[in-house]
C-alpha atoms as a PDB file:
ATOM      1  CA  UNK A   1      -0.031  -0.016   0.011  1.00  0.00           C
ATOM      2  CA  UNK A   2       1.422   3.374  -0.984  1.00  0.00           C
ATOM      3  CA  UNK A   3       0.686   6.180   1.406  1.00  0.00           C
ATOM      4  CA  UNK A   4       1.038   9.752   0.178  1.00  0.00           C
ATOM      5  CA  UNK A   5       3.467  11.682   2.219  1.00  0.00           C
ATOM      6  CA  UNK A   6       5.114  15.120   2.440  1.00  0.00           C
ATOM      7  CA  UNK A   7       7.812  17.066   4.245  1.00  0.00           C
ATOM      8  CA  UNK A   8       7.923  20.542   5.728  1.00  0.00           C
ATOM      9  CA  UNK A   9      10.636  22.661   7.353  1.00  0.00           C
ATOM     10  CA  UNK A  10       9.681  24.184  10.654  1.00  0.00           C
ATOM     11  CA  UNK A  11      11.712  27.169  11.932  1.00  0.00           C
ATOM     12  CA  UNK A  12      11.637  27.858  15.644  1.00  0.00           C
ATOM     13  CA  UNK A  13      11.840  24.408  17.002  1.00  0.00           C
ATOM     14  CA  UNK A  14      14.696  22.652  18.864  1.00  0.00           C
ATOM     15  CA  UNK A  15      15.117  18.967  19.113  1.00  0.00           C
ATOM     16  CA  UNK A  16      13.110  18.608  22.363  1.00  0.00           C
ATOM     17  CA  UNK A  17      10.302  20.850  21.219  1.00  0.00           C
ATOM     18  CA  UNK A  18      10.056  19.024  17.888  1.00  0.00           C
ATOM     19  CA  UNK A  19       9.340  15.763  19.746  1.00  0.00           C
ATOM     20  CA  UNK A  20       6.452  17.433  21.600  1.00  0.00           C
ATOM     21  CA  UNK A  21       5.296  19.042  18.366  1.00  0.00           C
ATOM     22  CA  UNK A  22       4.942  15.772  16.322  1.00  0.00           C
ATOM     23  CA  UNK A  23       3.276  14.023  19.316  1.00  0.00           C
ATOM     24  CA  UNK A  24       0.298  16.326  18.867  1.00  0.00           C
ATOM     25  CA  UNK A  25      -0.726  14.163  15.913  1.00  0.00           C
ATOM     26  CA  UNK A  26      -1.598  11.021  17.830  1.00  0.00           C
ATOM     27  CA  UNK A  27      -2.058   7.744  15.868  1.00  0.00           C
ATOM     28  CA  UNK A  28      -0.787   9.473  12.673  1.00  0.00           C
ATOM     29  CA  UNK A  29       2.631   9.496  11.097  1.00  0.00           C
ATOM     30  CA  UNK A  30       4.478  12.691  11.633  1.00  0.00           C
ATOM     31  CA  UNK A  31       8.086  12.614  12.763  1.00  0.00           C
ATOM     32  CA  UNK A  32      11.288  14.642  12.642  1.00  0.00           C
ATOM     33  CA  UNK A  33      13.108  13.826   9.449  1.00  0.00           C
ATOM     34  CA  UNK A  34      16.132  16.065   9.748  1.00  0.00           C
ATOM     35  CA  UNK A  35      17.624  18.662  11.991  1.00  0.00           C
ATOM     36  CA  UNK A  36      18.838  21.186   9.428  1.00  0.00           C
ATOM     37  CA  UNK A  37      20.260  23.724  11.762  1.00  0.00           C
ATOM     38  CA  UNK A  38      19.723  24.944  15.355  1.00  0.00           C
ATOM     39  CA  UNK A  39      16.109  25.924  15.427  1.00  0.00           C
ATOM     40  CA  UNK A  40      15.162  24.364  12.074  1.00  0.00           C
ATOM     41  CA  UNK A  41      13.614  20.872  11.821  1.00  0.00           C
ATOM     42  CA  UNK A  42      12.123  19.046   8.864  1.00  0.00           C
ATOM     43  CA  UNK A  43       9.121  16.983   9.698  1.00  0.00           C
ATOM     44  CA  UNK A  44       7.705  14.204   7.420  1.00  0.00           C
ATOM     45  CA  UNK A  45       4.805  12.036   7.322  1.00  0.00           C
ATOM     46  CA  UNK A  46       1.165  11.528   6.039  1.00  0.00           C
ATOM     47  CA  UNK A  47      -0.015  14.576   4.120  1.00  0.00           C
ATOM     48  CA  UNK A  48      -2.996  15.429   6.412  1.00  0.00           C
ATOM     49  CA  UNK A  49      -1.089  15.247   9.797  1.00  0.00           C
ATOM     50  CA  UNK A  50       1.851  17.240   8.356  1.00  0.00           C
ATOM     51  CA  UNK A  51      -0.556  20.004   7.237  1.00  0.00           C
ATOM     52  CA  UNK A  52      -2.285  20.043  10.610  1.00  0.00           C
ATOM     53  CA  UNK A  53       1.127  20.185  12.367  1.00  0.00           C
ATOM     54  CA  UNK A  54       2.102  23.093  10.160  1.00  0.00           C
ATOM     55  CA  UNK A  55      -1.194  24.793  11.101  1.00  0.00           C
ATOM     56  CA  UNK A  56      -0.326  24.306  14.820  1.00  0.00           C
ATOM     57  CA  UNK A  57       3.116  25.795  14.093  1.00  0.00           C
ATOM     58  CA  UNK A  58       1.635  28.910  12.370  1.00  0.00           C
ATOM     59  CA  UNK A  59      -0.880  29.374  15.242  1.00  0.00           C
ATOM     60  CA  UNK A  60       2.045  29.443  17.679  1.00  0.00           C
ATOM     61  CA  UNK A  61       4.047  31.865  15.579  1.00  0.00           C
ATOM     62  CA  UNK A  62       6.541  29.100  14.649  1.00  0.00           C
ATOM     63  CA  UNK A  63       7.353  29.376  10.985  1.00  0.00           C
END
């Protein structure tokens, strides 16, 4: 089964905060994919949960 996925860069998260951030999408696949730089994390996973995670980020003034 092929599952559509996506990635998104999130600015304003450190490693510990990114773990909390992706746990907000319970029972869905969203996880840190790469730590690009201090304060910038790439998340990846199912399309819907990644979009919701980005909406949470924007609502918390995380880019």
